[in-house]
């Protein structure tokens, strides 16, 4: 299934989600966190609880350690981070040159899945964070793209 255009933040990469369990999903109304564009999708993973899919876009001008510290402090106040969650998108911060974001996410028991460059410039600006157990993700990584300098990122649920 494809996320309809209105659910995708402006300028954010389109996300394509595949589920062999069900073709039903819900898109609840979500609160906002200042400076960040977030879309949410509840992906059914029967017989397990649904996975919160949070798609994030942060413009380069707001991609600072101070803003991300604020973001990760507000995230558990805005979303129930104890539920199975995947937070993904264009963070516009290269995690290959700094570990600040993975360290901030780890405070919420989230781990970063993408460990390789996600752009044609050998930077990793696109991230996937999750609190799902290691056994719930069968693989993750990047794909090649001829239409963008950003590579699509993916995580396959087991």
Protein backbone atom coordinates (compact mmCIF):
# COMPACT_ATOMS: atom_id res chain seq x y z
CA UNK A 1 0.00 0.00 0.00
CA UNK A 2 1.19 3.52 -0.62
CA UNK A 3 0.83 6.40 1.79
CA UNK A 4 -1.48 8.93 0.10
CA UNK A 5 0.22 12.22 -0.84
CA UNK A 6 -1.51 14.36 1.86
CA UNK A 7 0.08 12.24 4.61
CA UNK A 8 3.59 12.86 3.41
CA UNK A 9 5.25 16.05 4.64
CA UNK A 10 6.25 18.50 1.91
CA UNK A 11 9.67 17.69 0.40
CA UNK A 12 9.88 14.44 2.41
CA UNK A 13 10.67 11.23 0.57
CA UNK A 14 7.62 9.23 -0.38
CA UNK A 15 7.30 6.15 1.80
CA UNK A 16 6.00 2.90 0.44
CA UNK A 17 4.82 0.41 3.05
CA UNK A 18 4.20 -3.23 2.43
CA UNK A 19 2.28 -5.52 4.76
CA UNK A 20 1.42 -9.11 4.03
CA UNK A 21 -0.82 -9.20 7.10
CA UNK A 22 -3.52 -6.74 6.13
CA UNK A 23 -4.34 -3.98 3.69
CA UNK A 24 -5.98 -1.84 6.37
CA UNK A 25 -4.23 1.00 8.10
CA UNK A 26 -5.27 4.09 9.98
CA UNK A 27 -3.98 7.62 10.03
CA UNK A 28 -4.95 9.22 13.32
CA UNK A 29 -4.87 12.93 13.89
CA UNK A 30 -1.52 13.73 15.42
CA UNK A 31 -0.18 16.56 17.51
CA UNK A 32 2.81 18.51 16.26
CA UNK A 33 6.29 19.11 17.56
CA UNK A 34 7.54 22.60 16.61
CA UNK A 35 10.01 22.83 13.69
CA UNK A 36 9.44 19.23 12.60
CA UNK A 37 6.98 17.84 10.07
CA UNK A 38 5.62 14.48 11.19
CA UNK A 39 3.07 12.12 9.67
CA UNK A 40 1.77 9.05 11.44
CA UNK A 41 0.45 5.74 10.19
CA UNK A 42 -0.71 2.79 12.28
CA UNK A 43 0.41 -0.34 10.46
CA UNK A 44 -1.48 -3.49 11.47
CA UNK A 45 0.83 -6.38 12.28
CA UNK A 46 -1.65 -9.02 13.37
CA UNK A 47 -1.51 -10.90 15.69
CA UNK A 48 0.84 -8.33 17.29
CA UNK A 49 -0.10 -4.77 18.28
CA UNK A 50 0.00 -2.21 15.44
CA UNK A 51 3.29 -0.44 14.77
CA UNK A 52 3.32 3.36 14.94
CA UNK A 53 5.05 4.59 11.80
CA UNK A 54 6.26 8.14 12.31
CA UNK A 55 7.60 9.80 9.16
CA UNK A 56 9.71 12.85 9.91
CA UNK A 57 11.14 15.65 7.82
CA UNK A 58 13.43 18.25 9.32
CA UNK A 59 14.49 21.14 7.06
CA UNK A 60 18.28 21.62 6.98
CA UNK A 61 17.98 25.05 8.61
CA UNK A 62 16.44 23.47 11.75
CA UNK A 63 18.76 20.46 11.93
CA UNK A 64 20.72 21.40 15.03
CA UNK A 65 21.66 19.48 18.17
CA UNK A 66 19.58 21.89 20.29
CA UNK A 67 16.47 21.33 18.15
CA UNK A 68 16.92 17.54 18.15
CA UNK A 69 17.46 17.51 21.91
CA UNK A 70 14.15 19.35 22.24
CA UNK A 71 12.52 16.98 19.72
CA UNK A 72 13.57 13.80 21.56
CA UNK A 73 12.49 15.35 24.88
CA UNK A 74 9.04 16.16 23.42
CA UNK A 75 8.59 12.89 21.52
CA UNK A 76 7.43 10.78 24.53
CA UNK A 77 5.12 13.61 25.61
CA UNK A 78 3.51 13.69 22.15
CA UNK A 79 3.47 9.99 21.20
CA UNK A 80 3.31 6.83 23.28
CA UNK A 81 6.89 5.65 22.79
CA UNK A 82 6.22 2.50 24.81
CA UNK A 83 4.19 1.20 21.86
CA UNK A 84 5.95 -0.51 18.96
CA UNK A 85 7.31 2.40 16.93
CA UNK A 86 9.38 3.09 13.83
CA UNK A 87 10.55 6.68 13.39
CA UNK A 88 12.00 7.32 9.94
CA UNK A 89 12.72 10.05 7.45
CA UNK A 90 15.03 12.82 6.34
CA UNK A 91 16.66 14.12 9.53
CA UNK A 92 19.22 16.23 7.62
CA UNK A 93 21.95 15.33 10.09
CA UNK A 94 24.78 13.01 9.06
CA UNK A 95 24.99 10.17 11.58
CA UNK A 96 28.18 8.91 9.95
CA UNK A 97 30.01 12.00 11.24
CA UNK A 98 28.22 12.45 14.59
CA UNK A 99 26.49 10.11 17.02
CA UNK A 100 24.31 12.77 18.70
CA UNK A 101 20.96 11.61 17.27
CA UNK A 102 21.42 7.88 17.93
CA UNK A 103 22.52 8.77 21.48
CA UNK A 104 19.42 10.96 22.00
CA UNK A 105 17.17 8.23 20.57
CA UNK A 106 18.74 5.57 22.78
CA UNK A 107 17.44 7.43 25.85
CA UNK A 108 13.97 6.38 24.64
CA UNK A 109 15.14 2.79 23.98
CA UNK A 110 15.25 3.44 20.21
CA UNK A 111 18.07 2.13 18.07
CA UNK A 112 19.24 3.33 14.65
CA UNK A 113 18.97 0.75 11.85
CA UNK A 114 20.71 2.51 8.95
CA UNK A 115 24.49 2.19 9.10
CA UNK A 116 25.52 3.16 5.57
CA UNK A 117 25.37 6.31 3.42
CA UNK A 118 21.88 7.34 2.31
CA UNK A 119 22.93 10.02 -0.16
CA UNK A 120 25.12 10.19 -3.23
CA UNK A 121 27.50 12.34 -1.16
CA UNK A 122 28.37 9.53 1.31
CA UNK A 123 26.36 11.05 4.15
CA UNK A 124 23.59 9.37 6.15
CA UNK A 125 20.86 12.02 6.44
CA UNK A 126 17.96 9.53 6.30
CA UNK A 127 17.46 7.47 9.43
CA UNK A 128 15.28 4.70 10.83
CA UNK A 129 14.90 4.44 14.61
CA UNK A 130 12.85 1.75 16.30
CA UNK A 131 12.04 0.29 19.68
CA UNK A 132 11.00 -3.03 18.15
CA UNK A 133 12.97 -6.08 19.30
CA UNK A 134 15.86 -7.15 17.07
CA UNK A 135 13.87 -10.24 16.06
CA UNK A 136 11.04 -8.06 14.68
CA UNK A 137 13.21 -6.55 11.92
CA UNK A 138 14.47 -9.10 9.41
CA UNK A 139 16.63 -6.61 7.48
CA UNK A 140 17.11 -2.91 6.80
CA UNK A 141 19.20 -0.74 4.55
CA UNK A 142 19.20 1.48 1.49
CA UNK A 143 18.22 1.05 -2.14
CA UNK A 144 19.56 2.82 -5.19
CA UNK A 145 17.64 5.72 -6.71
CA UNK A 146 18.17 7.42 -10.02
CA UNK A 147 15.61 10.17 -9.27
CA UNK A 148 17.08 11.71 -6.13
CA UNK A 149 20.41 12.22 -4.41
CA UNK A 150 18.82 10.50 -1.39
CA UNK A 151 18.55 6.73 -1.42
CA UNK A 152 15.31 5.11 -0.24
CA UNK A 153 15.64 3.52 3.18
CA UNK A 154 13.76 0.43 4.32
CA UNK A 155 13.14 -1.89 7.25
CA UNK A 156 11.47 -5.25 6.70
CA UNK A 157 9.31 -6.53 9.55
CA UNK A 158 9.64 -10.23 10.38
